[in-house]
Amino acid sequence: MEEIKVIFRRNVSDYLDELIFVLYENEYFGFKESAKDYVQKIYDFIEYNLPIFPAKQTPEKLSSLGS
């Protein structure tokens, strides 16, 4: 199986890093470490699962918005 490498743009990494503070400050998580773990799970999903996630065909009604 071909290995797929995911590269994060700087603005995506900055957004996800800022998300840690937003989640903690808005009390979605009681500990900053819990918010870090949550964001790490997002990174892991993007890196390992997204490339193998099954593609779906865009419904014809929505095809004007993109594929």
N, C-alpha and C. Protein backbone atom coordinates (compact mmCIF):
# COMPACT_ATOMS: atom_id res chain seq x y z
N MET A 1 0.84 -1.18 0.00
CA MET A 1 0.00 0.00 0.00
C MET A 1 0.89 1.24 0.00
N GLU A 2 0.50 2.19 -0.79
CA GLU A 2 1.25 3.44 -0.93
C GLU A 2 1.08 4.30 0.32
N GLU A 3 2.20 4.83 0.83
CA GLU A 3 2.14 5.69 2.00
C GLU A 3 1.79 7.12 1.56
N ILE A 4 0.85 7.72 2.26
CA ILE A 4 0.44 9.08 1.96
C ILE A 4 0.92 9.98 3.08
N LYS A 5 1.65 11.03 2.73
CA LYS A 5 2.16 11.96 3.73
C LYS A 5 1.27 13.19 3.75
N VAL A 6 0.83 13.55 4.93
CA VAL A 6 -0.02 14.73 5.12
C VAL A 6 0.86 15.87 5.61
N ILE A 7 0.75 17.00 4.94
CA ILE A 7 1.50 18.19 5.33
C ILE A 7 0.50 19.26 5.74
N PHE A 8 0.66 19.79 6.94
CA PHE A 8 -0.23 20.81 7.46
C PHE A 8 0.29 22.19 7.07
N ARG A 9 -0.57 23.01 6.53
CA ARG A 9 -0.20 24.40 6.27
C ARG A 9 -0.04 25.11 7.60
N ARG A 10 0.74 26.15 7.62
CA ARG A 10 1.02 26.90 8.85
C ARG A 10 -0.28 27.42 9.48
N ASN A 11 -1.20 27.93 8.67
CA ASN A 11 -2.42 28.49 9.25
C ASN A 11 -3.31 27.40 9.87
N VAL A 12 -3.24 26.19 9.36
CA VAL A 12 -4.00 25.08 9.96
C VAL A 12 -3.40 24.71 11.30
N SER A 13 -2.09 24.58 11.35
CA SER A 13 -1.42 24.28 12.62
C SER A 13 -1.66 25.37 13.65
N ASP A 14 -1.58 26.63 13.21
CA ASP A 14 -1.84 27.75 14.13
C ASP A 14 -3.27 27.70 14.66
N TYR A 15 -4.21 27.40 13.77
CA TYR A 15 -5.62 27.32 14.17
C TYR A 15 -5.83 26.21 15.21
N LEU A 16 -5.27 25.05 14.95
CA LEU A 16 -5.45 23.94 15.89
C LEU A 16 -4.75 24.19 17.22
N ASP A 17 -3.59 24.85 17.17
CA ASP A 17 -2.90 25.20 18.41
C ASP A 17 -3.69 26.22 19.21
N GLU A 18 -4.29 27.19 18.53
CA GLU A 18 -5.13 28.18 19.20
C GLU A 18 -6.40 27.54 19.76
N LEU A 19 -6.87 26.50 19.09
CA LEU A 19 -8.07 25.80 19.54
C LEU A 19 -7.91 25.24 20.95
N ILE A 20 -6.70 24.84 21.31
CA ILE A 20 -6.44 24.34 22.66
C ILE A 20 -6.84 25.40 23.69
N PHE A 21 -6.39 26.63 23.47
CA PHE A 21 -6.68 27.71 24.41
C PHE A 21 -8.15 28.09 24.40
N VAL A 22 -8.77 28.10 23.23
CA VAL A 22 -10.18 28.43 23.12
C VAL A 22 -11.03 27.42 23.88
N LEU A 23 -10.73 26.14 23.69
CA LEU A 23 -11.50 25.09 24.37
C LEU A 23 -11.35 25.18 25.88
N TYR A 24 -10.13 25.46 26.32
CA TYR A 24 -9.89 25.57 27.76
C TYR A 24 -10.52 26.83 28.35
N GLU A 25 -10.33 27.98 27.70
CA GLU A 25 -10.85 29.24 28.22
C GLU A 25 -12.37 29.27 28.23
N ASN A 26 -13.01 28.60 27.28
CA ASN A 26 -14.48 28.56 27.25
C ASN A 26 -15.04 27.39 28.05
N GLU A 27 -14.16 26.75 28.81
CA GLU A 27 -14.52 25.69 29.75
C GLU A 27 -15.16 24.47 29.11
N TYR A 28 -14.74 24.17 27.86
CA TYR A 28 -15.15 22.90 27.27
C TYR A 28 -14.39 21.76 27.94
N PHE A 29 -13.18 22.09 28.44
CA PHE A 29 -12.36 21.14 29.17
C PHE A 29 -11.89 21.82 30.45
N GLY A 30 -11.86 21.05 31.54
CA GLY A 30 -11.45 21.59 32.83
C GLY A 30 -9.95 21.72 32.98
N PHE A 31 -9.20 20.98 32.16
CA PHE A 31 -7.74 21.02 32.23
C PHE A 31 -7.18 21.29 30.84
N LYS A 32 -6.13 22.09 30.80
CA LYS A 32 -5.50 22.41 29.52
C LYS A 32 -4.95 21.15 28.86
N GLU A 33 -4.48 20.19 29.66
CA GLU A 33 -3.95 18.94 29.12
C GLU A 33 -5.04 18.15 28.39
N SER A 34 -6.26 18.20 28.89
CA SER A 34 -7.38 17.53 28.22
C SER A 34 -7.67 18.16 26.87
N ALA A 35 -7.58 19.48 26.79
CA ALA A 35 -7.78 20.18 25.52
C ALA A 35 -6.66 19.81 24.55
N LYS A 36 -5.42 19.70 25.04
CA LYS A 36 -4.29 19.29 24.19
C LYS A 36 -4.51 17.89 23.64
N ASP A 37 -4.98 16.98 24.49
CA ASP A 37 -5.24 15.60 24.05
C ASP A 37 -6.31 15.58 22.96
N TYR A 38 -7.34 16.38 23.13
CA TYR A 38 -8.43 16.45 22.15
C TYR A 38 -7.91 16.94 20.80
N VAL A 39 -7.12 17.99 20.81
CA VAL A 39 -6.58 18.54 19.56
C VAL A 39 -5.60 17.54 18.95
N GLN A 40 -4.85 16.82 19.76
CA GLN A 40 -3.95 15.79 19.24
C GLN A 40 -4.73 14.70 18.51
N LYS A 41 -5.91 14.38 19.02
CA LYS A 41 -6.76 13.39 18.34
C LYS A 41 -7.21 13.91 16.98
N ILE A 42 -7.43 15.21 16.87
CA ILE A 42 -7.79 15.81 15.58
C ILE A 42 -6.61 15.68 14.62
N TYR A 43 -5.40 16.02 15.09
CA TYR A 43 -4.20 15.86 14.27
C TYR A 43 -4.05 14.41 13.81
N ASP A 44 -4.21 13.48 14.74
CA ASP A 44 -4.06 12.05 14.41
C ASP A 44 -5.09 11.61 13.37
N PHE A 45 -6.34 12.05 13.52
CA PHE A 45 -7.36 11.69 12.56
C PHE A 45 -7.01 12.20 11.17
N ILE A 46 -6.61 13.47 11.10
CA ILE A 46 -6.26 14.06 9.81
C ILE A 46 -5.09 13.32 9.18
N GLU A 47 -4.08 13.02 9.98
CA GLU A 47 -2.86 12.41 9.45
C GLU A 47 -3.05 10.94 9.06
N TYR A 48 -3.76 10.18 9.87
CA TYR A 48 -3.82 8.74 9.65
C TYR A 48 -5.12 8.24 9.04
N ASN A 49 -6.23 8.87 9.33
CA ASN A 49 -7.52 8.36 8.86
C ASN A 49 -8.05 9.07 7.63
N LEU A 50 -7.83 10.37 7.54
CA LEU A 50 -8.38 11.13 6.43
C LEU A 50 -7.92 10.64 5.06
N PRO A 51 -6.62 10.29 4.89
CA PRO A 51 -6.20 9.82 3.56
C PRO A 51 -6.88 8.51 3.13
N ILE A 52 -7.33 7.70 4.08
CA ILE A 52 -7.96 6.42 3.72
C ILE A 52 -9.47 6.47 3.90
N PHE A 53 -9.99 7.63 4.27
CA PHE A 53 -11.43 7.79 4.47
C PHE A 53 -12.12 7.58 3.13
N PRO A 54 -13.19 6.79 3.09
CA PRO A 54 -13.84 6.52 1.81
C PRO A 54 -14.44 7.79 1.19
N ALA A 55 -14.16 7.97 -0.08
CA ALA A 55 -14.70 9.13 -0.81
C ALA A 55 -16.18 8.91 -1.08
N LYS A 56 -16.92 9.98 -1.12
CA LYS A 56 -18.36 9.91 -1.40
C LYS A 56 -18.66 10.75 -2.64
N GLN A 57 -19.60 10.29 -3.41
CA GLN A 57 -20.04 11.02 -4.59
C GLN A 57 -20.95 12.16 -4.14
N THR A 58 -20.72 13.35 -4.67
CA THR A 58 -21.54 14.51 -4.33
C THR A 58 -22.93 14.33 -4.95
N PRO A 59 -23.99 14.52 -4.15
CA PRO A 59 -25.33 14.43 -4.71
C PRO A 59 -25.53 15.45 -5.82
N GLU A 60 -26.31 15.08 -6.81
CA GLU A 60 -26.50 15.94 -7.98
C GLU A 60 -27.05 17.32 -7.59
N LYS A 61 -27.92 17.37 -6.59
CA LYS A 61 -28.48 18.65 -6.15
C LYS A 61 -27.42 19.61 -5.64
N LEU A 62 -26.33 19.06 -5.13
CA LEU A 62 -25.27 19.89 -4.55
C LEU A 62 -24.05 20.01 -5.44
N SER A 63 -24.08 19.43 -6.62
CA SER A 63 -22.89 19.43 -7.49
C SER A 63 -22.47 20.82 -7.91
N SER A 64 -23.38 21.79 -7.88
CA SER A 64 -23.01 23.15 -8.25
C SER A 64 -22.06 23.77 -7.21
N LEU A 65 -22.01 23.18 -5.99
CA LEU A 65 -21.15 23.69 -4.93
C LEU A 65 -19.76 23.07 -4.97
N GLY A 66 -19.55 22.05 -5.76
CA GLY A 66 -18.25 21.37 -5.87
C GLY A 66 -18.40 19.88 -5.71
N SER A 67 -17.30 19.18 -5.95
CA SER A 67 -17.37 17.71 -5.87
C SER A 67 -16.77 17.21 -4.58
